[in-house]
N, C-alpha and C. Protein backbone atom coordinates (compact mmCIF):
# COMPACT_ATOMS: atom_id res chain seq x y z
N UNK A 1 44.07 72.65 29.59
CA UNK A 1 43.50 71.54 28.87
C UNK A 1 43.52 72.08 27.39
N UNK A 2 44.14 71.22 26.35
CA UNK A 2 44.36 71.38 25.05
C UNK A 2 43.41 70.95 24.00
N UNK A 3 42.74 71.49 23.30
CA UNK A 3 41.58 71.27 22.54
C UNK A 3 42.07 71.25 21.20
N UNK A 4 42.19 70.12 20.61
CA UNK A 4 42.71 69.94 19.05
C UNK A 4 41.81 70.41 18.09
N UNK A 5 40.47 70.61 18.29
CA UNK A 5 39.55 70.88 17.42
C UNK A 5 39.63 72.51 17.13
N UNK A 6 39.75 73.22 18.15
CA UNK A 6 39.73 74.66 18.13
C UNK A 6 40.64 75.22 19.12
N UNK A 7 41.95 75.49 18.67
CA UNK A 7 42.94 76.05 19.59
C UNK A 7 42.57 77.43 20.07
N UNK A 8 42.59 77.71 21.27
CA UNK A 8 42.34 79.13 21.90
C UNK A 8 43.50 79.66 22.41
N UNK A 9 43.47 80.92 22.02
CA UNK A 9 44.73 81.64 22.55
C UNK A 9 44.69 81.87 24.24
N UNK A 10 45.85 82.14 24.66
CA UNK A 10 46.17 81.94 26.10
C UNK A 10 45.78 83.10 26.68
N UNK A 11 45.74 84.36 25.96
CA UNK A 11 45.55 85.60 26.60
C UNK A 11 43.92 85.84 26.90
N UNK A 12 43.70 86.57 28.12
CA UNK A 12 42.46 86.75 28.74
C UNK A 12 41.61 87.82 27.52
N UNK A 13 42.25 88.67 27.22
CA UNK A 13 41.87 89.90 26.41
C UNK A 13 41.09 89.30 25.12
N UNK A 14 42.04 88.38 24.32
CA UNK A 14 41.56 87.68 23.23
C UNK A 14 40.55 86.77 23.45
N UNK A 15 40.63 85.98 24.68
CA UNK A 15 39.39 85.05 24.90
C UNK A 15 38.11 85.87 25.11
N UNK A 16 38.07 87.07 25.75
CA UNK A 16 37.16 87.85 25.76
C UNK A 16 36.34 88.44 24.56
N UNK A 17 37.35 88.73 23.70
CA UNK A 17 36.94 89.22 22.40
C UNK A 17 36.17 87.92 21.66
N UNK A 18 36.76 86.83 21.74
CA UNK A 18 36.40 85.73 21.01
C UNK A 18 34.81 85.57 21.57
N UNK A 19 34.69 85.53 22.91
CA UNK A 19 33.44 85.25 23.46
C UNK A 19 32.28 86.40 23.17
N UNK A 20 32.67 87.67 23.08
CA UNK A 20 31.70 88.55 22.48
C UNK A 20 31.33 88.50 21.14
N UNK A 21 32.31 87.93 20.27
CA UNK A 21 32.10 87.74 18.93
C UNK A 21 31.00 86.49 18.80
N UNK A 22 31.00 85.46 19.78
CA UNK A 22 30.32 84.25 19.79
C UNK A 22 28.92 84.74 20.01
N UNK A 23 28.80 85.62 21.30
CA UNK A 23 27.72 86.07 21.63
C UNK A 23 26.78 86.68 20.54
N UNK A 24 27.61 87.66 19.98
CA UNK A 24 26.77 88.54 18.96
C UNK A 24 26.43 87.67 17.68
N UNK A 25 27.21 86.54 17.42
CA UNK A 25 26.70 85.67 16.37
C UNK A 25 25.61 84.66 16.65
N UNK A 26 25.67 84.22 17.91
CA UNK A 26 24.57 83.61 18.38
C UNK A 26 23.22 84.37 18.50
N UNK A 27 23.25 85.71 18.90
CA UNK A 27 22.15 86.58 18.81
C UNK A 27 21.61 86.70 17.12
N UNK A 28 22.56 86.78 16.42
CA UNK A 28 22.15 86.75 14.86
C UNK A 28 21.36 85.36 14.52
N UNK A 29 22.07 84.46 14.92
CA UNK A 29 21.33 83.19 14.67
C UNK A 29 20.02 82.94 15.15
N UNK A 30 19.97 83.49 16.34
CA UNK A 30 18.58 83.47 17.26
C UNK A 30 17.43 84.22 16.36
N UNK A 31 17.90 85.54 16.04
CA UNK A 31 17.05 86.19 15.36
C UNK A 31 16.55 85.68 13.88
N UNK A 32 17.46 84.97 13.42
CA UNK A 32 17.20 84.35 11.86
C UNK A 32 16.32 83.19 12.27
N UNK A 33 16.42 82.43 13.39
CA UNK A 33 15.50 81.25 13.80
C UNK A 33 14.24 81.63 13.96
N UNK A 34 13.98 82.82 14.68
CA UNK A 34 12.68 83.34 14.88
C UNK A 34 11.94 83.91 13.65
N UNK A 35 12.80 84.46 12.70
CA UNK A 35 12.06 84.97 11.35
C UNK A 35 11.79 83.72 10.60
N UNK A 36 12.46 82.87 10.62
CA UNK A 36 12.20 81.64 9.93
C UNK A 36 10.90 80.96 10.44
N UNK A 37 10.85 80.69 11.74
CA UNK A 37 9.94 80.14 12.16
C UNK A 37 8.60 80.84 11.93
N UNK A 38 8.61 82.08 11.92
CA UNK A 38 7.41 83.17 12.05
C UNK A 38 7.02 83.01 10.26
N UNK A 39 8.00 82.94 9.48
CA UNK A 39 7.53 82.73 8.03
C UNK A 39 6.93 81.17 7.80
N UNK A 40 7.38 80.38 8.38
CA UNK A 40 6.95 78.90 8.17
C UNK A 40 5.56 78.82 8.79
N UNK A 41 5.32 79.59 9.85
CA UNK A 41 3.87 79.61 10.50
C UNK A 41 2.89 80.45 9.50
N UNK A 42 3.23 81.39 9.11
CA UNK A 42 2.49 82.23 7.95
C UNK A 42 2.18 81.40 6.81
N UNK A 43 3.10 80.66 6.33
CA UNK A 43 3.02 79.91 5.16
C UNK A 43 2.00 78.61 5.62
N UNK A 44 2.08 78.18 6.74
CA UNK A 44 1.31 77.07 7.17
C UNK A 44 -0.25 77.54 7.14
N UNK A 45 -0.46 78.86 7.51
CA UNK A 45 -1.76 79.48 7.65
C UNK A 45 -2.46 79.91 6.46
N UNK A 46 -1.73 79.96 5.40
CA UNK A 46 -2.07 80.50 3.97
C UNK A 46 -2.98 79.50 3.67
N UNK A 47 -3.77 80.09 2.65
CA UNK A 47 -5.03 79.29 2.07
C UNK A 47 -4.21 78.59 0.91
N UNK A 48 -4.54 77.42 0.44
CA UNK A 48 -3.97 76.82 -0.79
C UNK A 48 -4.81 77.83 -2.01
N UNK A 49 -3.97 78.03 -3.04
CA UNK A 49 -4.60 78.74 -4.24
C UNK A 49 -5.78 77.98 -4.66
N UNK A 50 -6.77 78.90 -5.27
CA UNK A 50 -8.12 78.21 -5.95
C UNK A 50 -7.82 77.39 -6.96
N UNK A 51 -8.56 76.35 -7.19
CA UNK A 51 -8.33 75.51 -8.41
C UNK A 51 -8.77 76.24 -9.58
N UNK A 52 -8.21 75.85 -10.67
CA UNK A 52 -8.41 76.72 -11.97
C UNK A 52 -9.94 76.26 -12.47
N UNK A 53 -10.73 77.30 -12.99
CA UNK A 53 -12.25 76.75 -13.49
C UNK A 53 -12.10 75.70 -14.52
N UNK A 54 -13.08 75.20 -14.55
CA UNK A 54 -13.29 73.95 -15.41
C UNK A 54 -13.56 74.42 -16.82
N UNK A 55 -14.16 75.62 -17.03
CA UNK A 55 -14.51 75.97 -18.19
C UNK A 55 -14.12 77.66 -18.25
N UNK A 56 -13.76 78.10 -19.42
CA UNK A 56 -13.22 79.48 -19.50
C UNK A 56 -13.71 80.08 -20.64
N UNK A 57 -14.28 81.31 -20.70
CA UNK A 57 -14.74 82.11 -22.06
C UNK A 57 -13.87 83.21 -22.07
N UNK A 58 -13.23 83.06 -23.46
CA UNK A 58 -12.18 84.09 -23.79
C UNK A 58 -13.42 85.26 -24.56
N UNK A 59 -12.89 86.57 -24.02
CA UNK A 59 -13.59 87.77 -24.81
C UNK A 59 -12.68 88.23 -25.81
N UNK A 60 -13.35 88.82 -26.71
CA UNK A 60 -12.45 89.67 -27.88
C UNK A 60 -12.06 90.99 -27.21
N UNK A 61 -11.25 91.79 -28.04
CA UNK A 61 -11.11 93.09 -27.50
C UNK A 61 -11.97 94.05 -28.21
N UNK A 62 -11.56 95.20 -27.69
CA UNK A 62 -12.54 96.40 -28.25
C UNK A 62 -13.94 96.63 -27.11
N UNK A 63 -14.56 97.53 -27.70
CA UNK A 63 -15.67 97.91 -26.93
C UNK A 63 -16.72 97.08 -26.68
N UNK A 64 -17.01 96.09 -27.65
CA UNK A 64 -18.21 95.13 -27.50
C UNK A 64 -17.70 94.04 -26.63
N UNK A 65 -16.46 93.58 -26.79
CA UNK A 65 -15.91 92.48 -25.86
C UNK A 65 -16.82 91.15 -25.93
N UNK A 66 -17.18 90.82 -27.02
CA UNK A 66 -18.16 89.67 -27.34
C UNK A 66 -17.25 88.43 -26.77
N UNK A 67 -18.03 87.18 -26.60
CA UNK A 67 -17.29 86.06 -26.47
C UNK A 67 -16.77 85.49 -27.72
N UNK A 68 -15.30 85.23 -27.61
CA UNK A 68 -14.49 85.14 -28.87
C UNK A 68 -14.23 83.22 -28.86
N UNK A 69 -13.92 82.76 -27.87
CA UNK A 69 -13.67 81.33 -27.83
C UNK A 69 -14.14 80.74 -26.47
N UNK A 70 -14.31 79.37 -26.38
CA UNK A 70 -14.50 78.67 -25.24
C UNK A 70 -13.31 77.97 -25.16
N UNK A 71 -12.65 77.62 -23.74
CA UNK A 71 -11.58 76.91 -23.39
C UNK A 71 -12.07 75.96 -22.30
N UNK A 72 -11.15 74.79 -22.15
CA UNK A 72 -11.19 74.34 -20.99
C UNK A 72 -10.57 75.08 -19.87
N UNK A 73 -10.83 74.66 -18.50
CA UNK A 73 -9.96 75.63 -17.52
C UNK A 73 -8.68 75.72 -17.47
N UNK A 74 -8.10 74.50 -17.74
CA UNK A 74 -6.57 74.57 -17.67
C UNK A 74 -5.86 74.98 -18.94
N UNK A 75 -6.67 75.48 -19.83
CA UNK A 75 -5.64 76.09 -20.95
C UNK A 75 -5.39 77.50 -20.74
N UNK A 76 -4.01 77.73 -20.84
CA UNK A 76 -3.23 79.01 -20.51
C UNK A 76 -2.86 79.79 -21.66
N UNK A 77 -3.64 79.60 -22.82
CA UNK A 77 -3.59 80.31 -24.10
C UNK A 77 -3.66 81.83 -23.84
N UNK A 78 -4.80 82.13 -23.18
CA UNK A 78 -5.32 83.67 -22.96
C UNK A 78 -5.40 83.73 -21.54
N UNK A 79 -5.45 85.20 -21.19
CA UNK A 79 -5.90 85.74 -19.80
C UNK A 79 -7.08 86.73 -20.28
N UNK A 80 -7.55 86.64 -21.40
CA UNK A 80 -8.80 87.79 -21.47
C UNK A 80 -10.15 86.96 -21.54
N UNK A 81 -10.52 86.80 -20.40
CA UNK A 81 -11.61 85.80 -20.31
C UNK A 81 -12.04 85.83 -18.85
N UNK A 82 -13.26 84.85 -18.68
CA UNK A 82 -13.68 84.87 -17.23
C UNK A 82 -14.05 83.36 -17.08
N UNK A 83 -14.09 82.90 -15.97
CA UNK A 83 -14.50 81.65 -15.56
C UNK A 83 -15.98 81.47 -16.15
N UNK A 84 -16.28 80.22 -16.34
CA UNK A 84 -17.80 80.17 -16.71
C UNK A 84 -18.20 78.68 -15.94
N UNK A 85 -19.44 78.59 -15.99
CA UNK A 85 -20.00 77.17 -15.47
C UNK A 85 -20.16 76.43 -16.71
N UNK A 86 -20.50 75.38 -16.54
CA UNK A 86 -20.41 74.19 -17.74
C UNK A 86 -21.68 74.80 -18.61
N UNK A 87 -22.98 75.22 -17.91
CA UNK A 87 -23.98 75.53 -18.63
C UNK A 87 -23.63 76.67 -19.46
N UNK A 88 -23.02 77.63 -18.87
CA UNK A 88 -22.73 78.90 -19.60
C UNK A 88 -21.60 78.74 -20.76
N UNK A 89 -20.71 77.70 -20.58
CA UNK A 89 -19.94 77.25 -21.66
C UNK A 89 -20.44 76.61 -22.69
N UNK A 90 -21.64 75.91 -22.44
CA UNK A 90 -22.05 75.09 -23.55
C UNK A 90 -23.06 75.94 -24.37
N UNK A 91 -23.60 76.97 -23.43
CA UNK A 91 -24.57 77.88 -24.21
C UNK A 91 -23.79 78.66 -25.28
N UNK A 92 -22.60 79.15 -24.93
CA UNK A 92 -21.95 79.92 -25.98
C UNK A 92 -21.41 78.94 -27.19
N UNK A 93 -21.21 77.60 -26.90
CA UNK A 93 -21.11 76.87 -27.95
C UNK A 93 -22.21 76.93 -28.89
N UNK A 94 -23.56 76.83 -28.38
CA UNK A 94 -24.81 76.80 -29.10
C UNK A 94 -25.01 78.13 -29.82
N UNK A 95 -24.41 79.19 -29.33
CA UNK A 95 -24.54 80.40 -30.00
C UNK A 95 -23.51 80.56 -31.22
N UNK A 96 -22.72 79.50 -31.51
CA UNK A 96 -21.88 79.57 -32.43
C UNK A 96 -20.28 80.08 -32.15
N UNK A 97 -20.04 80.23 -30.75
CA UNK A 97 -18.73 80.54 -30.46
C UNK A 97 -17.87 79.19 -30.50
N UNK A 98 -16.77 79.57 -31.14
CA UNK A 98 -15.64 78.30 -31.46
C UNK A 98 -15.01 77.82 -30.40
N UNK A 99 -14.67 76.68 -30.30
CA UNK A 99 -13.82 75.92 -29.05
C UNK A 99 -12.54 76.30 -29.50
N UNK A 100 -11.49 76.56 -28.56
CA UNK A 100 -10.22 76.91 -28.83
C UNK A 100 -9.76 75.57 -29.68
N UNK A 101 -9.01 75.79 -30.58
CA UNK A 101 -8.49 74.39 -31.41
C UNK A 101 -7.56 73.56 -30.40
N UNK A 102 -6.85 74.01 -29.55
CA UNK A 102 -6.08 73.33 -28.69
C UNK A 102 -6.73 72.62 -27.53
N UNK A 103 -8.00 73.29 -27.33
CA UNK A 103 -8.80 72.61 -26.19
C UNK A 103 -9.22 71.21 -26.54
N UNK A 104 -9.95 70.92 -27.73
CA UNK A 104 -10.16 69.54 -28.08
C UNK A 104 -11.30 69.15 -27.28
N UNK A 105 -12.07 70.00 -26.57
CA UNK A 105 -13.11 69.52 -25.61
C UNK A 105 -14.40 70.17 -26.06
N UNK A 106 -15.10 69.67 -26.95
CA UNK A 106 -16.40 70.23 -27.34
C UNK A 106 -17.48 70.25 -26.31
N UNK A 107 -17.43 69.12 -25.55
CA UNK A 107 -18.48 68.77 -24.58
C UNK A 107 -18.08 69.10 -23.11
N UNK A 108 -16.79 69.62 -23.08
CA UNK A 108 -16.35 69.86 -21.58
C UNK A 108 -15.77 68.75 -20.80
N UNK A 109 -15.70 67.54 -21.53
CA UNK A 109 -15.46 66.34 -20.80
C UNK A 109 -13.92 66.24 -20.33
N UNK A 110 -13.12 66.77 -21.22
CA UNK A 110 -11.73 66.89 -21.29
C UNK A 110 -11.10 68.08 -20.39
N UNK A 111 -10.13 67.94 -19.74
CA UNK A 111 -9.82 69.09 -18.92
C UNK A 111 -8.33 69.64 -19.45
N UNK A 112 -7.68 68.89 -20.42
CA UNK A 112 -6.55 69.33 -21.07
C UNK A 112 -6.54 70.73 -21.86
N UNK A 113 -5.61 71.17 -22.22
CA UNK A 113 -5.77 72.05 -23.40
C UNK A 113 -4.53 71.90 -24.35
């Protein structure tokens, strides 16, 4: 029986070598399938990242680290700060802490920066 798709050699020793190579290749493919399934399962059980805070207080540098500016939570201008509640954010504004110029949200109603 002649196969046009994959012609095979007529010698038994050559056929046995090809068979062994295919077994080893199939074992590698099975190992990869197992690894990918395990990674997919871990990814499915992973918790989604937390939502960014709605308000953010940036602190200055140095020993005092006083509040420097207030941002909306989506603002990515600084990483020197902490999440804040709306009341804490508004309180900082009443103390004279400036709103970030790109924030544009004095009352916290906007979420963009």
